[in-house]
All heavy atoms as atom14 arrays in JSON, in Angstrom:
{
  "sequence": "GLTTQRYQSGKVDYDGHISRRGDRHLRGLLYEAATVILTRSSADSGL",
  "atom14_mask": [
    [1, 1, 1, 1, 0, 0, 0, 0, 0, 0, 0, 0, 0, 0],
    [1, 1, 1, 1, 1, 1, 1, 1, 0, 0, 0, 0, 0, 0],
    [1, 1, 1, 1, 1, 1, 1, 0, 0, 0, 0, 0, 0, 0],
    [1, 1, 1, 1, 1, 1, 1, 0, 0, 0, 0, 0, 0, 0],
    [1, 1, 1, 1, 1, 1, 1, 1, 1, 0, 0, 0, 0, 0],
    [1, 1, 1, 1, 1, 1, 1, 1, 1, 1, 1, 0, 0, 0],
    [1, 1, 1, 1, 1, 1, 1, 1, 1, 1, 1, 1, 0, 0],
    [1, 1, 1, 1, 1, 1, 1, 1, 1, 0, 0, 0, 0, 0],
    [1, 1, 1, 1, 1, 1, 0, 0, 0, 0, 0, 0, 0, 0],
    [1, 1, 1, 1, 0, 0, 0, 0, 0, 0, 0, 0, 0, 0],
    [1, 1, 1, 1, 1, 1, 1, 1, 1, 0, 0, 0, 0, 0],
    [1, 1, 1, 1, 1, 1, 1, 0, 0, 0, 0, 0, 0, 0],
    [1, 1, 1, 1, 1, 1, 1, 1, 0, 0, 0, 0, 0, 0],
    [1, 1, 1, 1, 1, 1, 1, 1, 1, 1, 1, 1, 0, 0],
    [1, 1, 1, 1, 1, 1, 1, 1, 0, 0, 0, 0, 0, 0],
    [1, 1, 1, 1, 0, 0, 0, 0, 0, 0, 0, 0, 0, 0],
    [1, 1, 1, 1, 1, 1, 1, 1, 1, 1, 0, 0, 0, 0],
    [1, 1, 1, 1, 1, 1, 1, 1, 0, 0, 0, 0, 0, 0],
    [1, 1, 1, 1, 1, 1, 0, 0, 0, 0, 0, 0, 0, 0],
    [1, 1, 1, 1, 1, 1, 1, 1, 1, 1, 1, 0, 0, 0],
    [1, 1, 1, 1, 1, 1, 1, 1, 1, 1, 1, 0, 0, 0],
    [1, 1, 1, 1, 0, 0, 0, 0, 0, 0, 0, 0, 0, 0],
    [1, 1, 1, 1, 1, 1, 1, 1, 0, 0, 0, 0, 0, 0],
    [1, 1, 1, 1, 1, 1, 1, 1, 1, 1, 1, 0, 0, 0],
    [1, 1, 1, 1, 1, 1, 1, 1, 1, 1, 0, 0, 0, 0],
    [1, 1, 1, 1, 1, 1, 1, 1, 0, 0, 0, 0, 0, 0],
    [1, 1, 1, 1, 1, 1, 1, 1, 1, 1, 1, 0, 0, 0],
    [1, 1, 1, 1, 0, 0, 0, 0, 0, 0, 0, 0, 0, 0],
    [1, 1, 1, 1, 1, 1, 1, 1, 0, 0, 0, 0, 0, 0],
    [1, 1, 1, 1, 1, 1, 1, 1, 0, 0, 0, 0, 0, 0],
    [1, 1, 1, 1, 1, 1, 1, 1, 1, 1, 1, 1, 0, 0],
    [1, 1, 1, 1, 1, 1, 1, 1, 1, 0, 0, 0, 0, 0],
    [1, 1, 1, 1, 1, 0, 0, 0, 0, 0, 0, 0, 0, 0],
    [1, 1, 1, 1, 1, 0, 0, 0, 0, 0, 0, 0, 0, 0],
    [1, 1, 1, 1, 1, 1, 1, 0, 0, 0, 0, 0, 0, 0],
    [1, 1, 1, 1, 1, 1, 1, 0, 0, 0, 0, 0, 0, 0],
    [1, 1, 1, 1, 1, 1, 1, 1, 0, 0, 0, 0, 0, 0],
    [1, 1, 1, 1, 1, 1, 1, 1, 0, 0, 0, 0, 0, 0],
    [1, 1, 1, 1, 1, 1, 1, 0, 0, 0, 0, 0, 0, 0],
    [1, 1, 1, 1, 1, 1, 1, 1, 1, 1, 1, 0, 0, 0],
    [1, 1, 1, 1, 1, 1, 0, 0, 0, 0, 0, 0, 0, 0],
    [1, 1, 1, 1, 1, 1, 0, 0, 0, 0, 0, 0, 0, 0],
    [1, 1, 1, 1, 1, 0, 0, 0, 0, 0, 0, 0, 0, 0],
    [1, 1, 1, 1, 1, 1, 1, 1, 0, 0, 0, 0, 0, 0],
    [1, 1, 1, 1, 1, 1, 0, 0, 0, 0, 0, 0, 0, 0],
    [1, 1, 1, 1, 0, 0, 0, 0, 0, 0, 0, 0, 0, 0],
    [1, 1, 1, 1, 1, 1, 1, 1, 0, 0, 0, 0, 0, 0]
  ],
  "atom14_positions": [
    [[-10.81, -76.23, -13.99], [-10.46, -74.9, -13.44], [-11.02, -74.61, -12.08], [-11.24, -73.45, -11.72], [0.0, 0.0, 0.0], [0.0, 0.0, 0.0], [0.0, 0.0, 0.0], [0.0, 0.0, 0.0], [0.0, 0.0, 0.0], [0.0, 0.0, 0.0], [0.0, 0.0, 0.0], [0.0, 0.0, 0.0], [0.0, 0.0, 0.0], [0.0, 0.0, 0.0]],
    [[-11.26, -75.67, -11.28], [-11.86, -75.48, -9.95], [-10.84, -75.58, -8.84], [-11.2, -75.57, -7.64], [-12.95, -76.53, -9.72], [-14.23, -76.32, -10.52], [-15.13, -77.53, -10.44], [-14.98, -75.06, -10.05], [0.0, 0.0, 0.0], [0.0, 0.0, 0.0], [0.0, 0.0, 0.0], [0.0, 0.0, 0.0], [0.0, 0.0, 0.0], [0.0, 0.0, 0.0]],
    [[-9.55, -75.65, -9.16], [-8.48, -75.69, -8.16], [-7.75, -74.35, -8.13], [-7.7, -73.66, -9.13], [-7.49, -76.82, -8.44], [-6.98, -76.68, -9.78], [-8.16, -78.21, -8.32], [0.0, 0.0, 0.0], [0.0, 0.0, 0.0], [0.0, 0.0, 0.0], [0.0, 0.0, 0.0], [0.0, 0.0, 0.0], [0.0, 0.0, 0.0], [0.0, 0.0, 0.0]],
    [[-7.19, -74.03, -6.99], [-6.5, -72.74, -6.83], [-5.18, -72.75, -7.57], [-4.52, -73.77, -7.71], [-6.27, -72.43, -5.35], [-5.56, -73.51, -4.75], [-7.59, -72.26, -4.63], [0.0, 0.0, 0.0], [0.0, 0.0, 0.0], [0.0, 0.0, 0.0], [0.0, 0.0, 0.0], [0.0, 0.0, 0.0], [0.0, 0.0, 0.0], [0.0, 0.0, 0.0]],
    [[-4.81, -71.56, -8.03], [-3.52, -71.38, -8.68], [-2.44, -71.12, -7.6], [-2.68, -70.41, -6.64], [-3.54, -70.19, -9.66], [-4.42, -70.43, -10.88], [-4.43, -69.22, -11.79], [-4.64, -68.1, -11.32], [-4.21, -69.42, -13.07], [0.0, 0.0, 0.0], [0.0, 0.0, 0.0], [0.0, 0.0, 0.0], [0.0, 0.0, 0.0], [0.0, 0.0, 0.0]],
    [[-1.25, -71.67, -7.86], [-0.17, -71.48, -6.89], [0.93, -70.66, -7.54], [1.3, -70.86, -8.7], [0.4, -72.84, -6.45], [1.49, -72.72, -5.38], [2.14, -74.04, -5.1], [3.23, -73.93, -4.12], [4.06, -74.9, -3.85], [4.0, -76.05, -4.5], [5.02, -74.72, -2.96], [0.0, 0.0, 0.0], [0.0, 0.0, 0.0], [0.0, 0.0, 0.0]],
    [[1.48, -69.74, -6.76], [2.63, -68.94, -7.21], [3.76, -69.1, -6.19], [3.6, -68.77, -5.0], [2.23, -67.47, -7.33], [3.41, -66.58, -7.77], [3.69, -66.43, -9.14], [4.23, -65.94, -6.87], [4.74, -65.64, -9.55], [5.3, -65.17, -7.26], [5.56, -65.02, -8.62], [6.62, -64.26, -9.03], [0.0, 0.0, 0.0], [0.0, 0.0, 0.0]],
    [[4.9, -69.57, -6.62], [6.05, -69.75, -5.76], [7.31, -69.26, -6.45], [7.61, -69.63, -7.58], [6.23, -71.24, -5.39], [7.26, -71.5, -4.31], [8.69, -71.6, -4.84], [8.89, -72.1, -5.94], [9.63, -71.07, -4.11], [0.0, 0.0, 0.0], [0.0, 0.0, 0.0], [0.0, 0.0, 0.0], [0.0, 0.0, 0.0], [0.0, 0.0, 0.0]],
    [[8.0, -68.33, -5.8], [9.24, -67.79, -6.34], [10.07, -67.31, -5.15], [9.7, -66.37, -4.45], [8.98, -66.61, -7.3], [10.22, -66.12, -7.77], [0.0, 0.0, 0.0], [0.0, 0.0, 0.0], [0.0, 0.0, 0.0], [0.0, 0.0, 0.0], [0.0, 0.0, 0.0], [0.0, 0.0, 0.0], [0.0, 0.0, 0.0], [0.0, 0.0, 0.0]],
    [[11.22, -67.95, -4.9], [12.03, -67.6, -3.76], [11.29, -67.86, -2.47], [10.82, -68.96, -2.21], [0.0, 0.0, 0.0], [0.0, 0.0, 0.0], [0.0, 0.0, 0.0], [0.0, 0.0, 0.0], [0.0, 0.0, 0.0], [0.0, 0.0, 0.0], [0.0, 0.0, 0.0], [0.0, 0.0, 0.0], [0.0, 0.0, 0.0], [0.0, 0.0, 0.0]],
    [[11.16, -66.83, -1.67], [10.47, -66.97, -0.4], [8.96, -66.72, -0.51], [8.24, -66.89, 0.46], [11.07, -65.96, 0.62], [12.52, -66.25, 0.98], [13.0, -65.29, 2.04], [14.43, -65.56, 2.43], [14.92, -64.63, 3.48], [0.0, 0.0, 0.0], [0.0, 0.0, 0.0], [0.0, 0.0, 0.0], [0.0, 0.0, 0.0], [0.0, 0.0, 0.0]],
    [[8.52, -66.35, -1.71], [7.1, -66.09, -1.93], [6.41, -67.39, -2.33], [6.84, -68.08, -3.26], [6.88, -65.01, -3.05], [5.41, -64.81, -3.28], [7.59, -63.73, -2.68], [0.0, 0.0, 0.0], [0.0, 0.0, 0.0], [0.0, 0.0, 0.0], [0.0, 0.0, 0.0], [0.0, 0.0, 0.0], [0.0, 0.0, 0.0], [0.0, 0.0, 0.0]],
    [[5.37, -67.71, -1.62], [4.63, -68.96, -1.91], [3.21, -68.79, -1.39], [2.97, -68.72, -0.19], [5.3, -70.16, -1.21], [4.72, -71.47, -1.67], [3.74, -71.44, -2.45], [5.25, -72.52, -1.31], [0.0, 0.0, 0.0], [0.0, 0.0, 0.0], [0.0, 0.0, 0.0], [0.0, 0.0, 0.0], [0.0, 0.0, 0.0], [0.0, 0.0, 0.0]],
    [[2.28, -68.68, -2.32], [0.88, -68.52, -1.9], [-0.06, -69.1, -2.95], [0.3, -69.31, -4.09], [0.54, -67.03, -1.7], [0.63, -66.18, -2.94], [-0.47, -66.02, -3.79], [1.79, -65.51, -3.27], [-0.4, -65.27, -4.95], [1.89, -64.71, -4.41], [0.78, -64.62, -5.23], [0.82, -63.83, -6.35], [0.0, 0.0, 0.0], [0.0, 0.0, 0.0]],
    [[-1.3, -69.37, -2.51], [-2.35, -69.9, -3.39], [-3.28, -68.73, -3.73], [-3.67, -67.94, -2.85], [-3.14, -71.01, -2.73], [-2.31, -72.27, -2.58], [-1.43, -72.46, -3.4], [-2.54, -73.03, -1.61], [0.0, 0.0, 0.0], [0.0, 0.0, 0.0], [0.0, 0.0, 0.0], [0.0, 0.0, 0.0], [0.0, 0.0, 0.0], [0.0, 0.0, 0.0]],
    [[-3.66, -68.61, -4.98], [-4.56, -67.54, -5.42], [-5.98, -68.05, -5.64], [-6.44, -68.99, -4.99], [0.0, 0.0, 0.0], [0.0, 0.0, 0.0], [0.0, 0.0, 0.0], [0.0, 0.0, 0.0], [0.0, 0.0, 0.0], [0.0, 0.0, 0.0], [0.0, 0.0, 0.0], [0.0, 0.0, 0.0], [0.0, 0.0, 0.0], [0.0, 0.0, 0.0]],
    [[-6.66, -67.41, -6.6], [-8.01, -67.82, -6.93], [-8.01, -69.09, -7.79], [-6.91, -69.55, -8.19], [-8.71, -66.7, -7.72], [-8.85, -65.43, -6.95], [-9.72, -65.27, -5.88], [-8.2, -64.22, -7.06], [-9.64, -64.06, -5.39], [-8.71, -63.39, -6.09], [0.0, 0.0, 0.0], [0.0, 0.0, 0.0], [0.0, 0.0, 0.0], [0.0, 0.0, 0.0]],
    [[-9.13, -69.66, -8.01], [-9.21, -70.82, -8.89], [-8.77, -70.45, -10.28], [-8.94, -69.3, -10.71], [-10.6, -71.45, -8.91], [-11.67, -70.43, -9.4], [-10.99, -71.98, -7.52], [-13.04, -71.03, -9.57], [0.0, 0.0, 0.0], [0.0, 0.0, 0.0], [0.0, 0.0, 0.0], [0.0, 0.0, 0.0], [0.0, 0.0, 0.0], [0.0, 0.0, 0.0]],
    [[-8.25, -71.37, -11.05], [-7.65, -71.08, -12.34], [-8.7, -70.72, -13.39], [-8.42, -69.96, -14.31], [-6.86, -72.29, -12.82], [-7.7, -73.39, -13.06], [0.0, 0.0, 0.0], [0.0, 0.0, 0.0], [0.0, 0.0, 0.0], [0.0, 0.0, 0.0], [0.0, 0.0, 0.0], [0.0, 0.0, 0.0], [0.0, 0.0, 0.0], [0.0, 0.0, 0.0]],
    [[-9.91, -71.23, -13.27], [-11.0, -70.99, -14.22], [-10.61, -71.38, -15.63], [-11.03, -70.75, -16.59], [-11.43, -69.5, -14.18], [-12.06, -69.11, -12.86], [-12.58, -67.67, -12.88], [-13.2, -67.33, -11.61], [-13.73, -66.16, -11.35], [-13.72, -65.21, -12.29], [-14.25, -65.9, -10.18], [0.0, 0.0, 0.0], [0.0, 0.0, 0.0], [0.0, 0.0, 0.0]],
    [[-9.86, -72.41, -15.78], [-9.52, -72.93, -17.11], [-10.45, -74.09, -17.42], [-11.07, -74.66, -16.57], [-8.06, -73.39, -17.12], [-7.06, -72.25, -17.0], [-5.65, -72.75, -17.19], [-4.67, -71.65, -17.19], [-3.38, -71.77, -17.36], [-2.88, -72.99, -17.56], [-2.55, -70.75, -17.35], [0.0, 0.0, 0.0], [0.0, 0.0, 0.0], [0.0, 0.0, 0.0]],
    [[-10.48, -74.43, -18.68], [-11.29, -75.56, -19.09], [-12.69, -75.12, -19.49], [-12.92, -73.99, -19.89], [0.0, 0.0, 0.0], [0.0, 0.0, 0.0], [0.0, 0.0, 0.0], [0.0, 0.0, 0.0], [0.0, 0.0, 0.0], [0.0, 0.0, 0.0], [0.0, 0.0, 0.0], [0.0, 0.0, 0.0], [0.0, 0.0, 0.0], [0.0, 0.0, 0.0]],
    [[-13.64, -76.03, -19.35], [-15.02, -75.83, -19.81], [-15.76, -74.9, -18.87], [-16.18, -75.27, -17.79], [-15.71, -77.2, -19.88], [-17.02, -77.15, -20.62], [-17.67, -76.11, -20.58], [-17.38, -78.16, -21.26], [0.0, 0.0, 0.0], [0.0, 0.0, 0.0], [0.0, 0.0, 0.0], [0.0, 0.0, 0.0], [0.0, 0.0, 0.0], [0.0, 0.0, 0.0]],
    [[-15.93, -73.64, -19.31], [-16.58, -72.66, -18.44], [-18.05, -72.98, -18.18], [-18.55, -72.81, -17.07], [-16.47, -71.27, -19.08], [-17.11, -70.13, -18.27], [-16.85, -68.78, -18.92], [-17.46, -68.71, -20.24], [-17.37, -67.61, -20.99], [-16.73, -66.56, -20.58], [-17.97, -67.59, -22.18], [0.0, 0.0, 0.0], [0.0, 0.0, 0.0], [0.0, 0.0, 0.0]],
    [[-18.73, -73.48, -19.21], [-20.15, -73.81, -19.06], [-20.34, -74.92, -18.06], [-21.2, -74.81, -17.18], [-20.74, -74.21, -20.41], [-22.2, -74.53, -20.36], [-22.7, -75.78, -20.64], [-23.28, -73.77, -20.04], [-24.03, -75.76, -20.48], [-24.4, -74.57, -20.13], [0.0, 0.0, 0.0], [0.0, 0.0, 0.0], [0.0, 0.0, 0.0], [0.0, 0.0, 0.0]],
    [[-19.55, -75.97, -18.16], [-19.68, -77.1, -17.2], [-19.28, -76.65, -15.8], [-19.91, -77.09, -14.83], [-18.79, -78.27, -17.68], [-18.79, -79.51, -16.75], [-20.21, -80.02, -16.51], [-17.91, -80.6, -17.39], [0.0, 0.0, 0.0], [0.0, 0.0, 0.0], [0.0, 0.0, 0.0], [0.0, 0.0, 0.0], [0.0, 0.0, 0.0], [0.0, 0.0, 0.0]],
    [[-18.27, -75.81, -15.71], [-17.88, -75.31, -14.39], [-19.02, -74.54, -13.74], [-19.27, -74.68, -12.54], [-16.63, -74.41, -14.51], [-16.06, -73.94, -13.22], [-14.69, -73.29, -13.39], [-14.73, -72.13, -14.26], [-14.19, -72.1, -15.48], [-13.58, -73.17, -15.95], [-14.26, -71.0, -16.22], [0.0, 0.0, 0.0], [0.0, 0.0, 0.0], [0.0, 0.0, 0.0]],
    [[-19.72, -73.73, -14.53], [-20.87, -73.01, -14.0], [-21.99, -73.94, -13.58], [-22.64, -73.71, -12.54], [0.0, 0.0, 0.0], [0.0, 0.0, 0.0], [0.0, 0.0, 0.0], [0.0, 0.0, 0.0], [0.0, 0.0, 0.0], [0.0, 0.0, 0.0], [0.0, 0.0, 0.0], [0.0, 0.0, 0.0], [0.0, 0.0, 0.0], [0.0, 0.0, 0.0]],
    [[-22.24, -74.98, -14.35], [-23.28, -75.95, -14.0], [-22.95, -76.66, -12.7], [-23.83, -76.9, -11.85], [-23.44, -76.96, -15.12], [-24.08, -76.46, -16.42], [-24.05, -77.54, -17.5], [-25.5, -75.97, -16.19], [0.0, 0.0, 0.0], [0.0, 0.0, 0.0], [0.0, 0.0, 0.0], [0.0, 0.0, 0.0], [0.0, 0.0, 0.0], [0.0, 0.0, 0.0]],
    [[-21.69, -77.04, -12.51], [-21.29, -77.7, -11.26], [-21.45, -76.77, -10.06], [-21.81, -77.19, -8.96], [-19.85, -78.22, -11.36], [-19.62, -79.38, -12.31], [-18.14, -79.7, -12.44], [-20.39, -80.63, -11.85], [0.0, 0.0, 0.0], [0.0, 0.0, 0.0], [0.0, 0.0, 0.0], [0.0, 0.0, 0.0], [0.0, 0.0, 0.0], [0.0, 0.0, 0.0]],
    [[-21.14, -75.49, -10.27], [-21.32, -74.49, -9.2], [-22.82, -74.36, -8.84], [-23.16, -74.28, -7.65], [-20.74, -73.16, -9.62], [-20.79, -72.12, -8.52], [-19.78, -72.04, -7.56], [-21.84, -71.21, -8.45], [-19.8, -71.08, -6.58], [-21.88, -70.26, -7.46], [-20.87, -70.21, -6.51], [-20.9, -69.27, -5.52], [0.0, 0.0, 0.0], [0.0, 0.0, 0.0]],
    [[-23.69, -74.35, -9.86], [-25.1, -74.3, -9.62], [-25.58, -75.54, -8.84], [-26.38, -75.44, -7.92], [-25.88, -74.19, -10.91], [-25.68, -72.84, -11.62], [-26.46, -72.79, -12.94], [-27.24, -73.7, -13.21], [-26.28, -71.82, -13.7], [0.0, 0.0, 0.0], [0.0, 0.0, 0.0], [0.0, 0.0, 0.0], [0.0, 0.0, 0.0], [0.0, 0.0, 0.0]],
    [[-25.07, -76.7, -9.24], [-25.45, -77.94, -8.54], [-24.96, -77.88, -7.08], [-25.68, -78.34, -6.19], [-24.85, -79.14, -9.26], [0.0, 0.0, 0.0], [0.0, 0.0, 0.0], [0.0, 0.0, 0.0], [0.0, 0.0, 0.0], [0.0, 0.0, 0.0], [0.0, 0.0, 0.0], [0.0, 0.0, 0.0], [0.0, 0.0, 0.0], [0.0, 0.0, 0.0]],
    [[-23.77, -77.37, -6.87], [-23.22, -77.22, -5.5], [-24.11, -76.3, -4.68], [-24.35, -76.52, -3.48], [-21.8, -76.75, -5.56], [0.0, 0.0, 0.0], [0.0, 0.0, 0.0], [0.0, 0.0, 0.0], [0.0, 0.0, 0.0], [0.0, 0.0, 0.0], [0.0, 0.0, 0.0], [0.0, 0.0, 0.0], [0.0, 0.0, 0.0], [0.0, 0.0, 0.0]],
    [[-24.58, -75.22, -5.32], [-25.48, -74.26, -4.63], [-26.76, -74.95, -4.19], [-27.27, -74.73, -3.09], [-25.78, -73.08, -5.54], [-24.56, -72.43, -5.91], [-26.69, -72.07, -4.84], [0.0, 0.0, 0.0], [0.0, 0.0, 0.0], [0.0, 0.0, 0.0], [0.0, 0.0, 0.0], [0.0, 0.0, 0.0], [0.0, 0.0, 0.0], [0.0, 0.0, 0.0]],
    [[-27.31, -75.79, -5.1], [-28.54, -76.54, -4.74], [-28.28, -77.46, -3.56], [-29.09, -77.56, -2.64], [-29.02, -77.34, -5.97], [-30.17, -78.25, -5.56], [-29.47, -76.38, -7.06], [0.0, 0.0, 0.0], [0.0, 0.0, 0.0], [0.0, 0.0, 0.0], [0.0, 0.0, 0.0], [0.0, 0.0, 0.0], [0.0, 0.0, 0.0], [0.0, 0.0, 0.0]],
    [[-27.14, -78.13, -3.58], [-26.81, -79.07, -2.52], [-26.71, -78.35, -1.17], [-27.15, -78.86, -0.13], [-25.48, -79.78, -2.83], [-25.67, -80.75, -4.0], [-24.94, -80.56, -1.64], [-24.4, -81.4, -4.49], [0.0, 0.0, 0.0], [0.0, 0.0, 0.0], [0.0, 0.0, 0.0], [0.0, 0.0, 0.0], [0.0, 0.0, 0.0], [0.0, 0.0, 0.0]],
    [[-26.17, -77.13, -1.19], [-25.96, -76.39, 0.06], [-27.22, -75.68, 0.56], [-27.31, -75.37, 1.73], [-24.83, -75.36, -0.12], [-23.42, -75.9, -0.29], [-22.46, -74.78, -0.58], [-22.99, -76.7, 0.93], [0.0, 0.0, 0.0], [0.0, 0.0, 0.0], [0.0, 0.0, 0.0], [0.0, 0.0, 0.0], [0.0, 0.0, 0.0], [0.0, 0.0, 0.0]],
    [[-28.16, -75.4, -0.34], [-29.28, -74.55, 0.06], [-30.61, -75.3, 0.2], [-31.57, -74.75, 0.77], [-29.49, -73.4, -0.96], [-29.62, -73.97, -2.27], [-28.28, -72.49, -0.96], [0.0, 0.0, 0.0], [0.0, 0.0, 0.0], [0.0, 0.0, 0.0], [0.0, 0.0, 0.0], [0.0, 0.0, 0.0], [0.0, 0.0, 0.0], [0.0, 0.0, 0.0]],
    [[-30.72, -76.51, -0.34], [-31.99, -77.23, -0.29], [-31.87, -78.41, 0.67], [-31.02, -79.28, 0.52], [-32.35, -77.75, -1.67], [-32.68, -76.61, -2.68], [-33.2, -77.15, -3.98], [-33.39, -76.09, -4.96], [-33.82, -76.29, -6.2], [-34.1, -77.52, -6.6], [-33.99, -75.27, -7.02], [0.0, 0.0, 0.0], [0.0, 0.0, 0.0], [0.0, 0.0, 0.0]],
    [[-32.76, -78.38, 1.64], [-32.75, -79.47, 2.66], [-33.06, -80.83, 2.06], [-32.65, -81.85, 2.61], [-33.72, -79.13, 3.78], [-35.05, -78.99, 3.28], [0.0, 0.0, 0.0], [0.0, 0.0, 0.0], [0.0, 0.0, 0.0], [0.0, 0.0, 0.0], [0.0, 0.0, 0.0], [0.0, 0.0, 0.0], [0.0, 0.0, 0.0], [0.0, 0.0, 0.0]],
    [[-33.81, -80.84, 0.92], [-34.15, -82.12, 0.3], [-32.94, -82.78, -0.33], [-33.0, -83.95, -0.7], [-35.25, -81.89, -0.78], [-34.8, -81.0, -1.76], [0.0, 0.0, 0.0], [0.0, 0.0, 0.0], [0.0, 0.0, 0.0], [0.0, 0.0, 0.0], [0.0, 0.0, 0.0], [0.0, 0.0, 0.0], [0.0, 0.0, 0.0], [0.0, 0.0, 0.0]],
    [[-31.85, -82.06, -0.47], [-30.62, -82.59, -1.08], [-29.69, -83.13, 0.01], [-28.43, -83.07, -0.15], [-29.94, -81.52, -1.91], [0.0, 0.0, 0.0], [0.0, 0.0, 0.0], [0.0, 0.0, 0.0], [0.0, 0.0, 0.0], [0.0, 0.0, 0.0], [0.0, 0.0, 0.0], [0.0, 0.0, 0.0], [0.0, 0.0, 0.0], [0.0, 0.0, 0.0]],
    [[-30.23, -83.64, 1.06], [-29.44, -84.13, 2.21], [-28.51, -85.29, 1.79], [-28.94, -86.25, 1.14], [-30.36, -84.56, 3.34], [-29.57, -84.86, 4.59], [-28.58, -84.14, 4.85], [-29.92, -85.8, 5.31], [0.0, 0.0, 0.0], [0.0, 0.0, 0.0], [0.0, 0.0, 0.0], [0.0, 0.0, 0.0], [0.0, 0.0, 0.0], [0.0, 0.0, 0.0]],
    [[-27.26, -85.18, 2.15], [-26.27, -86.21, 1.84], [-25.03, -85.92, 2.64], [-24.88, -84.88, 3.27], [-25.94, -86.24, 0.35], [-25.3, -85.03, -0.06], [0.0, 0.0, 0.0], [0.0, 0.0, 0.0], [0.0, 0.0, 0.0], [0.0, 0.0, 0.0], [0.0, 0.0, 0.0], [0.0, 0.0, 0.0], [0.0, 0.0, 0.0], [0.0, 0.0, 0.0]],
    [[-24.07, -86.88, 2.6], [-22.83, -86.67, 3.26], [-22.04, -85.5, 2.64], [-21.35, -84.75, 3.33], [0.0, 0.0, 0.0], [0.0, 0.0, 0.0], [0.0, 0.0, 0.0], [0.0, 0.0, 0.0], [0.0, 0.0, 0.0], [0.0, 0.0, 0.0], [0.0, 0.0, 0.0], [0.0, 0.0, 0.0], [0.0, 0.0, 0.0], [0.0, 0.0, 0.0]],
    [[-22.17, -85.33, 1.32], [-21.53, -84.22, 0.65], [-22.11, -82.88, 1.13], [-21.33, -81.93, 1.31], [-21.73, -84.37, -0.86], [-21.09, -83.33, -1.77], [-19.57, -83.3, -1.58], [-21.45, -83.57, -3.23], [0.0, 0.0, 0.0], [0.0, 0.0, 0.0], [0.0, 0.0, 0.0], [0.0, 0.0, 0.0], [0.0, 0.0, 0.0], [0.0, 0.0, 0.0]]
  ]
}
């Protein structure tokens, strides 16, 4: 559930928020890990 939802009908075509489907607990853990990667200098990497 980490990809955006798409709505397309006629001339309307846009991407919305992430779908948030699937394992909510794991999704939250991955978001926390991403926060650590972005905020801690010791987590230096190409990512």
